[in-house]
Amino acid sequence: MCVCMMAARAMGGTCDSIVTACESYLPMVKLMRKIMHKNGMTKNIKLINKRSDELEVGSDIASRADVLVREILDSELLGEDLIPSLQHAHDMLLVDNPKSVPYRATTYCQVGAAA
């Protein structure tokens, strides 16, 4: 949730810039709306109660986005359907060659054996 507020602040709050955020879990959406209101961010952030792979250009967002900011990266790196979600975003929601945050990640693994 803080990611969308940081993105909105980074954009400088100009009247023609808006951050579109999506969250599928309704209790989190309700909390996000309260936090956005308390921080004066409701005019800078459009919050949609959907999964990112349910968003559509033309109905949910006006046009393809030029920046993708993700917060679904976790300790598993490839959890939360990351690859299909990113593929959908690139195919359906983003301009060609968008900026992406985070830009890359490294996965480490260790081989072990059970005794």
PDB file of N, CA and C in Angstrom:
ATOM      1  N   MET A   1       0.816  -1.187   0.000  1.00  0.00           N
ATOM      2  CA  MET A   1       0.000   0.000   0.000  1.00  0.00           C
ATOM      3  C   MET A   1       0.854   1.242   0.000  1.00  0.00           C
ATOM      4  N   CYS A   2       1.881   1.265   0.796  1.00  0.00           N
ATOM      5  CA  CYS A   2       2.760   2.429   0.825  1.00  0.00           C
ATOM      6  C   CYS A   2       3.426   2.654  -0.516  1.00  0.00           C
ATOM      7  N   VAL A   3       3.545   1.616  -1.304  1.00  0.00           N
ATOM      8  CA  VAL A   3       4.195   1.727  -2.604  1.00  0.00           C
ATOM      9  C   VAL A   3       3.445   2.704  -3.498  1.00  0.00           C
ATOM     10  N   CYS A   4       2.120   2.644  -3.523  1.00  0.00           N
ATOM     11  CA  CYS A   4       1.375   3.568  -4.382  1.00  0.00           C
ATOM     12  C   CYS A   4       1.495   5.001  -3.888  1.00  0.00           C
ATOM     13  N   MET A   5       1.560   5.197  -2.579  1.00  0.00           N
ATOM     14  CA  MET A   5       1.735   6.546  -2.045  1.00  0.00           C
ATOM     15  C   MET A   5       3.134   7.078  -2.361  1.00  0.00           C
ATOM     16  N   MET A   6       4.140   6.210  -2.273  1.00  0.00           N
ATOM     17  CA  MET A   6       5.501   6.638  -2.628  1.00  0.00           C
ATOM     18  C   MET A   6       5.579   6.991  -4.102  1.00  0.00           C
ATOM     19  N   ALA A   7       4.919   6.199  -4.953  1.00  0.00           N
ATOM     20  CA  ALA A   7       4.919   6.488  -6.386  1.00  0.00           C
ATOM     21  C   ALA A   7       4.236   7.821  -6.667  1.00  0.00           C
ATOM     22  N   ALA A   8       3.109   8.063  -6.012  1.00  0.00           N
ATOM     23  CA  ALA A   8       2.393   9.327  -6.209  1.00  0.00           C
ATOM     24  C   ALA A   8       3.249  10.513  -5.765  1.00  0.00           C
ATOM     25  N   ARG A   9       3.925  10.368  -4.637  1.00  0.00           N
ATOM     26  CA  ARG A   9       4.795  11.458  -4.163  1.00  0.00           C
ATOM     27  C   ARG A   9       5.978  11.662  -5.101  1.00  0.00           C
ATOM     28  N   ALA A  10       6.516  10.569  -5.633  1.00  0.00           N
ATOM     29  CA  ALA A  10       7.654  10.675  -6.558  1.00  0.00           C
ATOM     30  C   ALA A  10       7.265  11.392  -7.845  1.00  0.00           C
ATOM     31  N   MET A  11       5.995  11.289  -8.228  1.00  0.00           N
ATOM     32  CA  MET A  11       5.525  11.944  -9.446  1.00  0.00           C
ATOM     33  C   MET A  11       5.309  13.436  -9.227  1.00  0.00           C
ATOM     34  N   GLY A  12       5.404  13.885  -7.993  1.00  0.00           N
ATOM     35  CA  GLY A  12       5.326  15.310  -7.711  1.00  0.00           C
ATOM     36  C   GLY A  12       3.932  15.852  -7.517  1.00  0.00           C
ATOM     37  N   GLY A  13       2.916  14.997  -7.602  1.00  0.00           N
ATOM     38  CA  GLY A  13       1.555  15.456  -7.348  1.00  0.00           C
ATOM     39  C   GLY A  13       1.003  16.422  -8.372  1.00  0.00           C
ATOM     40  N   THR A  14       1.511  16.397  -9.604  1.00  0.00           N
ATOM     41  CA  THR A  14       0.955  17.274 -10.629  1.00  0.00           C
ATOM     42  C   THR A  14      -0.457  16.825 -10.942  1.00  0.00           C
ATOM     43  N   CYS A  15      -1.297  17.761 -11.358  1.00  0.00           N
ATOM     44  CA  CYS A  15      -2.709  17.454 -11.551  1.00  0.00           C
ATOM     45  C   CYS A  15      -2.954  16.462 -12.681  1.00  0.00           C
ATOM     46  N   ASP A  16      -2.034  16.339 -13.626  1.00  0.00           N
ATOM     47  CA  ASP A  16      -2.240  15.392 -14.724  1.00  0.00           C
ATOM     48  C   ASP A  16      -1.608  14.026 -14.444  1.00  0.00           C
ATOM     49  N   SER A  17      -0.979  13.839 -13.298  1.00  0.00           N
ATOM     50  CA  SER A  17      -0.382  12.549 -12.963  1.00  0.00           C
ATOM     51  C   SER A  17      -1.217  11.844 -11.911  1.00  0.00           C
ATOM     52  N   ILE A  18      -1.475  10.573 -12.163  1.00  0.00           N
ATOM     53  CA  ILE A  18      -2.245   9.779 -11.208  1.00  0.00           C
ATOM     54  C   ILE A  18      -1.662   8.380 -11.167  1.00  0.00           C
ATOM     55  N   VAL A  19      -1.661   7.822  -9.993  1.00  0.00           N
ATOM     56  CA  VAL A  19      -1.208   6.450  -9.796  1.00  0.00           C
ATOM     57  C   VAL A  19      -2.441   5.570  -9.712  1.00  0.00           C
ATOM     58  N   THR A  20      -2.439   4.488 -10.455  1.00  0.00           N
ATOM     59  CA  THR A  20      -3.511   3.509 -10.357  1.00  0.00           C
ATOM     60  C   THR A  20      -2.975   2.345  -9.552  1.00  0.00           C
ATOM     61  N   ALA A  21      -3.669   2.012  -8.481  1.00  0.00           N
ATOM     62  CA  ALA A  21      -3.275   0.896  -7.623  1.00  0.00           C
ATOM     63  C   ALA A  21      -4.396  -0.133  -7.628  1.00  0.00           C
ATOM     64  N   CYS A  22      -4.022  -1.396  -7.543  1.00  0.00           N
ATOM     65  CA  CYS A  22      -5.049  -2.430  -7.458  1.00  0.00           C
ATOM     66  C   CYS A  22      -4.754  -3.344  -6.275  1.00  0.00           C
ATOM     67  N   GLU A  23      -5.823  -3.770  -5.648  1.00  0.00           N
ATOM     68  CA  GLU A  23      -5.745  -4.669  -4.496  1.00  0.00           C
ATOM     69  C   GLU A  23      -7.010  -5.512  -4.508  1.00  0.00           C
ATOM     70  N   SER A  24      -6.849  -6.827  -4.435  1.00  0.00           N
ATOM     71  CA  SER A  24      -8.013  -7.707  -4.526  1.00  0.00           C
ATOM     72  C   SER A  24      -8.659  -7.999  -3.177  1.00  0.00           C
ATOM     73  N   TYR A  25      -7.951  -7.806  -2.090  1.00  0.00           N
ATOM     74  CA  TYR A  25      -8.442  -8.153  -0.753  1.00  0.00           C
ATOM     75  C   TYR A  25      -9.204  -6.966  -0.174  1.00  0.00           C
ATOM     76  N   LEU A  26     -10.530  -7.089  -0.082  1.00  0.00           N
ATOM     77  CA  LEU A  26     -11.392  -5.971   0.318  1.00  0.00           C
ATOM     78  C   LEU A  26     -11.026  -5.328   1.654  1.00  0.00           C
ATOM     79  N   PRO A  27     -10.726  -6.079   2.723  1.00  0.00           N
ATOM     80  CA  PRO A  27     -10.325  -5.409   3.966  1.00  0.00           C
ATOM     81  C   PRO A  27      -9.091  -4.513   3.779  1.00  0.00           C
ATOM     82  N   MET A  28      -8.160  -4.919   2.933  1.00  0.00           N
ATOM     83  CA  MET A  28      -6.975  -4.096   2.659  1.00  0.00           C
ATOM     84  C   MET A  28      -7.370  -2.850   1.869  1.00  0.00           C
ATOM     85  N   VAL A  29      -8.298  -2.990   0.940  1.00  0.00           N
ATOM     86  CA  VAL A  29      -8.772  -1.828   0.169  1.00  0.00           C
ATOM     87  C   VAL A  29      -9.381  -0.793   1.103  1.00  0.00           C
ATOM     88  N   LYS A  30     -10.198  -1.248   2.035  1.00  0.00           N
ATOM     89  CA  LYS A  30     -10.823  -0.321   2.991  1.00  0.00           C
ATOM     90  C   LYS A  30      -9.776   0.396   3.841  1.00  0.00           C
ATOM     91  N   LEU A  31      -8.780  -0.342   4.299  1.00  0.00           N
ATOM     92  CA  LEU A  31      -7.698   0.261   5.073  1.00  0.00           C
ATOM     93  C   LEU A  31      -6.904   1.245   4.224  1.00  0.00           C
ATOM     94  N   MET A  32      -6.613   0.861   2.975  1.00  0.00           N
ATOM     95  CA  MET A  32      -5.866   1.743   2.080  1.00  0.00           C
ATOM     96  C   MET A  32      -6.598   3.060   1.857  1.00  0.00           C
ATOM     97  N   ARG A  33      -7.913   2.987   1.665  1.00  0.00           N
ATOM     98  CA  ARG A  33      -8.694   4.214   1.452  1.00  0.00           C
ATOM     99  C   ARG A  33      -8.594   5.150   2.668  1.00  0.00           C
ATOM    100  N   LYS A  34      -8.647   4.592   3.877  1.00  0.00           N
ATOM    101  CA  LYS A  34      -8.508   5.404   5.089  1.00  0.00           C
ATOM    102  C   LYS A  34      -7.132   6.058   5.156  1.00  0.00           C
ATOM    103  N   ILE A  35      -6.099   5.286   4.888  1.00  0.00           N
ATOM    104  CA  ILE A  35      -4.733   5.803   4.951  1.00  0.00           C
ATOM    105  C   ILE A  35      -4.504   6.865   3.874  1.00  0.00           C
ATOM    106  N   MET A  36      -5.012   6.614   2.666  1.00  0.00           N
ATOM    107  CA  MET A  36      -4.875   7.607   1.597  1.00  0.00           C
ATOM    108  C   MET A  36      -5.572   8.902   1.987  1.00  0.00           C
ATOM    109  N   HIS A  37      -6.766   8.798   2.573  1.00  0.00           N
ATOM    110  CA  HIS A  37      -7.512   9.984   2.992  1.00  0.00           C
ATOM    111  C   HIS A  37      -6.741  10.755   4.063  1.00  0.00           C
ATOM    112  N   LYS A  38      -6.239  10.047   5.075  1.00  0.00           N
ATOM    113  CA  LYS A  38      -5.511  10.712   6.163  1.00  0.00           C
ATOM    114  C   LYS A  38      -4.233  11.390   5.672  1.00  0.00           C
ATOM    115  N   ASN A  39      -3.678  10.898   4.555  1.00  0.00           N
ATOM    116  CA  ASN A  39      -2.448  11.470   4.010  1.00  0.00           C
ATOM    117  C   ASN A  39      -2.704  12.412   2.837  1.00  0.00           C
ATOM    118  N   GLY A  40      -3.960  12.724   2.572  1.00  0.00           N
ATOM    119  CA  GLY A  40      -4.294  13.655   1.497  1.00  0.00           C
ATOM    120  C   GLY A  40      -3.921  13.144   0.117  1.00  0.00           C
ATOM    121  N   MET A  41      -4.012  11.838  -0.087  1.00  0.00           N
ATOM    122  CA  MET A  41      -3.568  11.245  -1.348  1.00  0.00           C
ATOM    123  C   MET A  41      -4.718  10.761  -2.233  1.00  0.00           C
ATOM    124  N   THR A  42      -5.959  10.997  -1.850  1.00  0.00           N
ATOM    125  CA  THR A  42      -7.087  10.452  -2.610  1.00  0.00           C
ATOM    126  C   THR A  42      -7.185  11.018  -4.026  1.00  0.00           C
ATOM    127  N   LYS A  43      -6.708  12.245  -4.239  1.00  0.00           N
ATOM    128  CA  LYS A  43      -6.784  12.822  -5.584  1.00  0.00           C
ATOM    129  C   LYS A  43      -5.636  12.346  -6.482  1.00  0.00           C
ATOM    130  N   ASN A  44      -4.599  11.766  -5.880  1.00  0.00           N
ATOM    131  CA  ASN A  44      -3.430  11.324  -6.642  1.00  0.00           C
ATOM    132  C   ASN A  44      -3.419   9.832  -6.943  1.00  0.00           C
ATOM    133  N   ILE A  45      -4.294   9.066  -6.278  1.00  0.00           N
ATOM    134  CA  ILE A  45      -4.273   7.612  -6.423  1.00  0.00           C
ATOM    135  C   ILE A  45      -5.670   7.105  -6.738  1.00  0.00           C
ATOM    136  N   LYS A  46      -5.778   6.335  -7.809  1.00  0.00           N
ATOM    137  CA  LYS A  46      -7.024   5.654  -8.143  1.00  0.00           C
ATOM    138  C   LYS A  46      -6.873   4.217  -7.664  1.00  0.00           C
ATOM    139  N   LEU A  47      -7.654   3.823  -6.675  1.00  0.00           N
ATOM    140  CA  LEU A  47      -7.570   2.492  -6.095  1.00  0.00           C
ATOM    141  C   LEU A  47      -8.692   1.612  -6.645  1.00  0.00           C
ATOM    142  N   ILE A  48      -8.309   0.480  -7.217  1.00  0.00           N
ATOM    143  CA  ILE A  48      -9.261  -0.434  -7.833  1.00  0.00           C
ATOM    144  C   ILE A  48      -9.253  -1.749  -7.066  1.00  0.00           C
ATOM    145  N   ASN A  49     -10.426  -2.211  -6.688  1.00  0.00           N
ATOM    146  CA  ASN A  49     -10.565  -3.464  -5.937  1.00  0.00           C
ATOM    147  C   ASN A  49     -10.627  -4.647  -6.912  1.00  0.00           C
ATOM    148  N   LYS A  50      -9.474  -4.966  -7.504  1.00  0.00           N
ATOM    149  CA  LYS A  50      -9.338  -6.089  -8.442  1.00  0.00           C
ATOM    150  C   LYS A  50      -7.906  -6.601  -8.398  1.00  0.00           C
ATOM    151  N   ARG A  51      -7.726  -7.815  -8.897  1.00  0.00           N
ATOM    152  CA  ARG A  51      -6.376  -8.328  -9.133  1.00  0.00           C
ATOM    153  C   ARG A  51      -5.823  -7.632 -10.372  1.00  0.00           C
ATOM    154  N   SER A  52      -4.521  -7.510 -10.464  1.00  0.00           N
ATOM    155  CA  SER A  52      -3.929  -6.824 -11.621  1.00  0.00           C
ATOM    156  C   SER A  52      -4.254  -7.531 -12.928  1.00  0.00           C
ATOM    157  N   ASP A  53      -4.399  -8.858 -12.890  1.00  0.00           N
ATOM    158  CA  ASP A  53      -4.703  -9.572 -14.130  1.00  0.00           C
ATOM    159  C   ASP A  53      -6.178  -9.477 -14.518  1.00  0.00           C
ATOM    160  N   GLU A  54      -6.970  -8.747 -13.735  1.00  0.00           N
ATOM    161  CA  GLU A  54      -8.372  -8.482 -14.071  1.00  0.00           C
ATOM    162  C   GLU A  54      -8.560  -7.074 -14.634  1.00  0.00           C
ATOM    163  N   LEU A  55      -7.519  -6.241 -14.586  1.00  0.00           N
ATOM    164  CA  LEU A  55      -7.624  -4.866 -15.081  1.00  0.00           C
ATOM    165  C   LEU A  55      -7.694  -4.844 -16.599  1.00  0.00           C
ATOM    166  N   GLU A  56      -8.419  -3.854 -17.116  1.00  0.00           N
ATOM    167  CA  GLU A  56      -8.540  -3.690 -18.563  1.00  0.00           C
ATOM    168  C   GLU A  56      -8.326  -2.230 -18.938  1.00  0.00           C
ATOM    169  N   VAL A  57      -7.541  -2.025 -19.992  1.00  0.00           N
ATOM    170  CA  VAL A  57      -7.353  -0.683 -20.537  1.00  0.00           C
ATOM    171  C   VAL A  57      -8.674  -0.268 -21.186  1.00  0.00           C
ATOM    172  N   GLY A  58      -9.105   0.955 -20.932  1.00  0.00           N
ATOM    173  CA  GLY A  58     -10.349   1.464 -21.484  1.00  0.00           C
ATOM    174  C   GLY A  58     -11.482   1.455 -20.484  1.00  0.00           C
ATOM    175  N   SER A  59     -11.458   0.507 -19.542  1.00  0.00           N
ATOM    176  CA  SER A  59     -12.515   0.506 -18.522  1.00  0.00           C
ATOM    177  C   SER A  59     -11.943   0.794 -17.138  1.00  0.00           C
ATOM    178  N   ASP A  60     -10.864   0.121 -16.753  1.00  0.00           N
ATOM    179  CA  ASP A  60     -10.261   0.359 -15.436  1.00  0.00           C
ATOM    180  C   ASP A  60      -9.205   1.464 -15.489  1.00  0.00           C
ATOM    181  N   ILE A  61      -8.411   1.460 -16.538  1.00  0.00           N
ATOM    182  CA  ILE A  61      -7.396   2.503 -16.725  1.00  0.00           C
ATOM    183  C   ILE A  61      -7.571   3.092 -18.126  1.00  0.00           C
ATOM    184  N   ALA A  62      -7.348   4.377 -18.235  1.00  0.00           N
ATOM    185  CA  ALA A  62      -7.623   5.078 -19.492  1.00  0.00           C
ATOM    186  C   ALA A  62      -6.705   4.641 -20.629  1.00  0.00           C
ATOM    187  N   SER A  63      -5.438   4.423 -20.321  1.00  0.00           N
ATOM    188  CA  SER A  63      -4.480   4.052 -21.362  1.00  0.00           C
ATOM    189  C   SER A  63      -3.403   3.171 -20.744  1.00  0.00           C
ATOM    190  N   ARG A  64      -2.562   2.622 -21.588  1.00  0.00           N
ATOM    191  CA  ARG A  64      -1.470   1.778 -21.109  1.00  0.00           C
ATOM    192  C   ARG A  64      -0.519   2.608 -20.244  1.00  0.00           C
ATOM    193  N   ALA A  65       0.011   1.989 -19.219  1.00  0.00           N
ATOM    194  CA  ALA A  65       0.902   2.668 -18.276  1.00  0.00           C
ATOM    195  C   ALA A  65       2.345   2.607 -18.754  1.00  0.00           C
ATOM    196  N   ASP A  66       3.131   3.599 -18.357  1.00  0.00           N
ATOM    197  CA  ASP A  66       4.547   3.608 -18.741  1.00  0.00           C
ATOM    198  C   ASP A  66       5.471   3.206 -17.599  1.00  0.00           C
ATOM    199  N   VAL A  67       4.914   3.009 -16.412  1.00  0.00           N
ATOM    200  CA  VAL A  67       5.711   2.568 -15.259  1.00  0.00           C
ATOM    201  C   VAL A  67       4.925   1.486 -14.517  1.00  0.00           C
ATOM    202  N   LEU A  68       5.622   0.434 -14.122  1.00  0.00           N
ATOM    203  CA  LEU A  68       5.030  -0.637 -13.327  1.00  0.00           C
ATOM    204  C   LEU A  68       5.785  -0.725 -12.015  1.00  0.00           C
ATOM    205  N   VAL A  69       5.069  -0.538 -10.911  1.00  0.00           N
ATOM    206  CA  VAL A  69       5.670  -0.664  -9.582  1.00  0.00           C
ATOM    207  C   VAL A  69       4.989  -1.852  -8.914  1.00  0.00           C
ATOM    208  N   ARG A  70       5.783  -2.842  -8.537  1.00  0.00           N
ATOM    209  CA  ARG A  70       5.240  -4.075  -7.966  1.00  0.00           C
ATOM    210  C   ARG A  70       5.598  -4.195  -6.498  1.00  0.00           C
ATOM    211  N   GLU A  71       4.675  -4.715  -5.712  1.00  0.00           N
ATOM    212  CA  GLU A  71       4.974  -4.983  -4.311  1.00  0.00           C
ATOM    213  C   GLU A  71       4.784  -6.455  -3.990  1.00  0.00           C
ATOM    214  N   ILE A  72       4.475  -7.285  -4.996  1.00  0.00           N
ATOM    215  CA  ILE A  72       4.198  -8.691  -4.699  1.00  0.00           C
ATOM    216  C   ILE A  72       5.454  -9.547  -4.557  1.00  0.00           C
ATOM    217  N   LEU A  73       6.602  -8.934  -4.714  1.00  0.00           N
ATOM    218  CA  LEU A  73       7.829  -9.692  -4.496  1.00  0.00           C
ATOM    219  C   LEU A  73       7.979  -9.961  -3.010  1.00  0.00           C
ATOM    220  N   ASP A  74       8.231 -11.201  -2.672  1.00  0.00           N
ATOM    221  CA  ASP A  74       8.366 -11.559  -1.263  1.00  0.00           C
ATOM    222  C   ASP A  74       9.602 -12.435  -1.087  1.00  0.00           C
ATOM    223  N   SER A  75       9.692 -13.110   0.019  1.00  0.00           N
ATOM    224  CA  SER A  75      10.872 -13.942   0.285  1.00  0.00           C
ATOM    225  C   SER A  75      10.986 -15.107  -0.687  1.00  0.00           C
ATOM    226  N   GLU A  76       9.885 -15.453  -1.356  1.00  0.00           N
ATOM    227  CA  GLU A  76       9.919 -16.534  -2.334  1.00  0.00           C
ATOM    228  C   GLU A  76      10.303 -16.033  -3.723  1.00  0.00           C
ATOM    229  N   LEU A  77      10.271 -14.760  -3.967  1.00  0.00           N
ATOM    230  CA  LEU A  77      10.539 -14.087  -5.234  1.00  0.00           C
ATOM    231  C   LEU A  77       9.542 -14.445  -6.323  1.00  0.00           C
ATOM    232  N   LEU A  78       9.294 -15.723  -6.525  1.00  0.00           N
ATOM    233  CA  LEU A  78       8.379 -16.126  -7.595  1.00  0.00           C
ATOM    234  C   LEU A  78       7.008 -16.517  -7.063  1.00  0.00           C
ATOM    235  N   GLY A  79       6.674 -16.093  -5.853  1.00  0.00           N
ATOM    236  CA  GLY A  79       5.372 -16.383  -5.266  1.00  0.00           C
ATOM    237  C   GLY A  79       4.291 -15.490  -5.845  1.00  0.00           C
ATOM    238  N   GLU A  80       3.083 -15.682  -5.374  1.00  0.00           N
ATOM    239  CA  GLU A  80       1.916 -14.880  -5.746  1.00  0.00           C
ATOM    240  C   GLU A  80       1.715 -14.774  -7.251  1.00  0.00           C
ATOM    241  N   ASP A  81       1.952 -15.850  -7.967  1.00  0.00           N
ATOM    242  CA  ASP A  81       1.766 -15.881  -9.431  1.00  0.00           C
ATOM    243  C   ASP A  81       2.504 -14.744 -10.132  1.00  0.00           C
ATOM    244  N   LEU A  82       3.723 -14.494  -9.708  1.00  0.00           N
ATOM    245  CA  LEU A  82       4.491 -13.366 -10.233  1.00  0.00           C
ATOM    246  C   LEU A  82       4.637 -13.405 -11.752  1.00  0.00           C
ATOM    247  N   ILE A  83       5.076 -14.515 -12.305  1.00  0.00           N
ATOM    248  CA  ILE A  83       5.360 -14.559 -13.739  1.00  0.00           C
ATOM    249  C   ILE A  83       4.096 -14.358 -14.579  1.00  0.00           C
ATOM    250  N   PRO A  84       2.988 -15.087 -14.321  1.00  0.00           N
ATOM    251  CA  PRO A  84       1.773 -14.816 -15.110  1.00  0.00           C
ATOM    252  C   PRO A  84       1.255 -13.384 -14.927  1.00  0.00           C
ATOM    253  N   SER A  85       1.396 -12.857 -13.732  1.00  0.00           N
ATOM    254  CA  SER A  85       0.943 -11.494 -13.461  1.00  0.00           C
ATOM    255  C   SER A  85       1.762 -10.473 -14.251  1.00  0.00           C
ATOM    256  N   LEU A  86       3.076 -10.646 -14.257  1.00  0.00           N
ATOM    257  CA  LEU A  86       3.939  -9.743 -15.033  1.00  0.00           C
ATOM    258  C   LEU A  86       3.681  -9.876 -16.526  1.00  0.00           C
ATOM    259  N   GLN A  87       3.476 -11.108 -16.988  1.00  0.00           N
ATOM    260  CA  GLN A  87       3.209 -11.320 -18.412  1.00  0.00           C
ATOM    261  C   GLN A  87       1.923 -10.620 -18.829  1.00  0.00           C
ATOM    262  N   HIS A  88       0.883 -10.729 -18.012  1.00  0.00           N
ATOM    263  CA  HIS A  88      -0.375 -10.050 -18.314  1.00  0.00           C
ATOM    264  C   HIS A  88      -0.169  -8.535 -18.361  1.00  0.00           C
ATOM    265  N   ALA A  89       0.561  -8.005 -17.387  1.00  0.00           N
ATOM    266  CA  ALA A  89       0.806  -6.559 -17.356  1.00  0.00           C
ATOM    267  C   ALA A  89       1.514  -6.102 -18.628  1.00  0.00           C
ATOM    268  N   HIS A  90       2.556  -6.827 -19.033  1.00  0.00           N
ATOM    269  CA  HIS A  90       3.304  -6.429 -20.232  1.00  0.00           C
ATOM    270  C   HIS A  90       2.474  -6.597 -21.496  1.00  0.00           C
ATOM    271  N   ASP A  91       1.667  -7.643 -21.560  1.00  0.00           N
ATOM    272  CA  ASP A  91       0.857  -7.884 -22.755  1.00  0.00           C
ATOM    273  C   ASP A  91      -0.331  -6.939 -22.871  1.00  0.00           C
ATOM    274  N   MET A  92      -0.961  -6.603 -21.734  1.00  0.00           N
ATOM    275  CA  MET A  92      -2.252  -5.921 -21.790  1.00  0.00           C
ATOM    276  C   MET A  92      -2.299  -4.512 -21.187  1.00  0.00           C
ATOM    277  N   LEU A  93      -1.377  -4.179 -20.283  1.00  0.00           N
ATOM    278  CA  LEU A  93      -1.530  -2.937 -19.522  1.00  0.00           C
ATOM    279  C   LEU A  93      -0.420  -1.913 -19.722  1.00  0.00           C
ATOM    280  N   LEU A  94       0.715  -2.331 -20.259  1.00  0.00           N
ATOM    281  CA  LEU A  94       1.884  -1.449 -20.318  1.00  0.00           C
ATOM    282  C   LEU A  94       2.259  -1.071 -21.747  1.00  0.00           C
ATOM    283  N   VAL A  95       2.884   0.097 -21.872  1.00  0.00           N
ATOM    284  CA  VAL A  95       3.452   0.512 -23.159  1.00  0.00           C
ATOM    285  C   VAL A  95       4.666  -0.365 -23.463  1.00  0.00           C
ATOM    286  N   ASP A  96       5.164  -0.291 -24.680  1.00  0.00           N
ATOM    287  CA  ASP A  96       6.405  -0.989 -25.009  1.00  0.00           C
ATOM    288  C   ASP A  96       7.555  -0.381 -24.213  1.00  0.00           C
ATOM    289  N   ASN A  97       8.416  -1.221 -23.695  1.00  0.00           N
ATOM    290  CA  ASN A  97       9.596  -0.802 -22.925  1.00  0.00           C
ATOM    291  C   ASN A  97       9.250   0.093 -21.727  1.00  0.00           C
ATOM    292  N   PRO A  98       8.373  -0.357 -20.844  1.00  0.00           N
ATOM    293  CA  PRO A  98       8.039   0.454 -19.667  1.00  0.00           C
ATOM    294  C   PRO A  98       9.153   0.420 -18.636  1.00  0.00           C
ATOM    295  N   LYS A  99       9.130   1.375 -17.735  1.00  0.00           N
ATOM    296  CA  LYS A  99      10.020   1.329 -16.577  1.00  0.00           C
ATOM    297  C   LYS A  99       9.383   0.387 -15.570  1.00  0.00           C
ATOM    298  N   SER A 100      10.204  -0.331 -14.828  1.00  0.00           N
ATOM    299  CA  SER A 100       9.687  -1.297 -13.862  1.00  0.00           C
ATOM    300  C   SER A 100      10.460  -1.197 -12.557  1.00  0.00           C
ATOM    301  N   VAL A 101       9.729  -1.188 -11.458  1.00  0.00           N
ATOM    302  CA  VAL A 101      10.325  -1.141 -10.125  1.00  0.00           C
ATOM    303  C   VAL A 101       9.743  -2.285  -9.322  1.00  0.00           C
ATOM    304  N   PRO A 102      10.502  -3.205  -8.816  1.00  0.00           N
ATOM    305  CA  PRO A 102      11.941  -3.333  -9.015  1.00  0.00           C
ATOM    306  C   PRO A 102      12.269  -3.768 -10.442  1.00  0.00           C
ATOM    307  N   TYR A 103      13.463  -3.431 -10.865  1.00  0.00           N
ATOM    308  CA  TYR A 103      13.902  -3.718 -12.230  1.00  0.00           C
ATOM    309  C   TYR A 103      14.365  -5.160 -12.394  1.00  0.00           C
ATOM    310  N   ARG A 104      15.011  -5.695 -11.369  1.00  0.00           N
ATOM    311  CA  ARG A 104      15.479  -7.079 -11.434  1.00  0.00           C
ATOM    312  C   ARG A 104      15.661  -7.630 -10.028  1.00  0.00           C
ATOM    313  N   ALA A 105      15.867  -8.928  -9.959  1.00  0.00           N
ATOM    314  CA  ALA A 105      16.070  -9.596  -8.678  1.00  0.00           C
ATOM    315  C   ALA A 105      16.990 -10.798  -8.895  1.00  0.00           C
ATOM    316  N   THR A 106      17.573 -11.270  -7.826  1.00  0.00           N
ATOM    317  CA  THR A 106      18.455 -12.428  -7.873  1.00  0.00           C
ATOM    318  C   THR A 106      17.892 -13.491  -6.944  1.00  0.00           C
ATOM    319  N   THR A 107      17.859 -14.717  -7.427  1.00  0.00           N
ATOM    320  CA  THR A 107      17.415 -15.840  -6.617  1.00  0.00           C
ATOM    321  C   THR A 107      18.632 -16.655  -6.214  1.00  0.00           C
ATOM    322  N   TYR A 108      18.721 -16.978  -4.946  1.00  0.00           N
ATOM    323  CA  TYR A 108      19.784 -17.825  -4.426  1.00  0.00           C
ATOM    324  C   TYR A 108      19.159 -19.119  -3.937  1.00  0.00           C
ATOM    325  N   CYS A 109      19.889 -20.205  -4.076  1.00  0.00           N
ATOM    326  CA  CYS A 109      19.396 -21.468  -3.549  1.00  0.00           C
ATOM    327  C   CYS A 109      20.575 -22.253  -2.964  1.00  0.00           C
ATOM    328  N   GLN A 110      20.239 -23.196  -2.139  1.00  0.00           N
ATOM    329  CA  GLN A 110      21.259 -24.021  -1.505  1.00  0.00           C
ATOM    330  C   GLN A 110      20.780 -25.468  -1.549  1.00  0.00           C
ATOM    331  N   VAL A 111      21.647 -26.340  -2.001  1.00  0.00           N
ATOM    332  CA  VAL A 111      21.323 -27.761  -2.069  1.00  0.00           C
ATOM    333  C   VAL A 111      21.588 -28.377  -0.706  1.00  0.00           C
ATOM    334  N   GLY A 112      20.661 -29.173  -0.272  1.00  0.00           N
ATOM    335  CA  GLY A 112      20.827 -29.839   1.017  1.00  0.00           C
ATOM    336  C   GLY A 112      20.330 -31.271   0.913  1.00  0.00           C
ATOM    337  N   ALA A 113      20.664 -32.059   1.872  1.00  0.00           N
ATOM    338  CA  ALA A 113      20.223 -33.442   1.921  1.00  0.00           C
ATOM    339  C   ALA A 113      19.701 -33.756   3.317  1.00  0.00           C
ATOM    340  N   ALA A 114      18.647 -34.544   3.361  1.00  0.00           N
ATOM    341  CA  ALA A 114      18.097 -34.973   4.645  1.00  0.00           C
ATOM    342  C   ALA A 114      18.810 -36.229   5.119  1.00  0.00           C
ATOM    343  N   ALA A 115      19.095 -36.305   6.391  1.00  0.00           N
ATOM    344  CA  ALA A 115      19.812 -37.472   6.915  1.00  0.00           C
ATOM    345  C   ALA A 115      18.864 -38.570   7.279  1.00  0.00           C
TER     346      ALA A 115
END
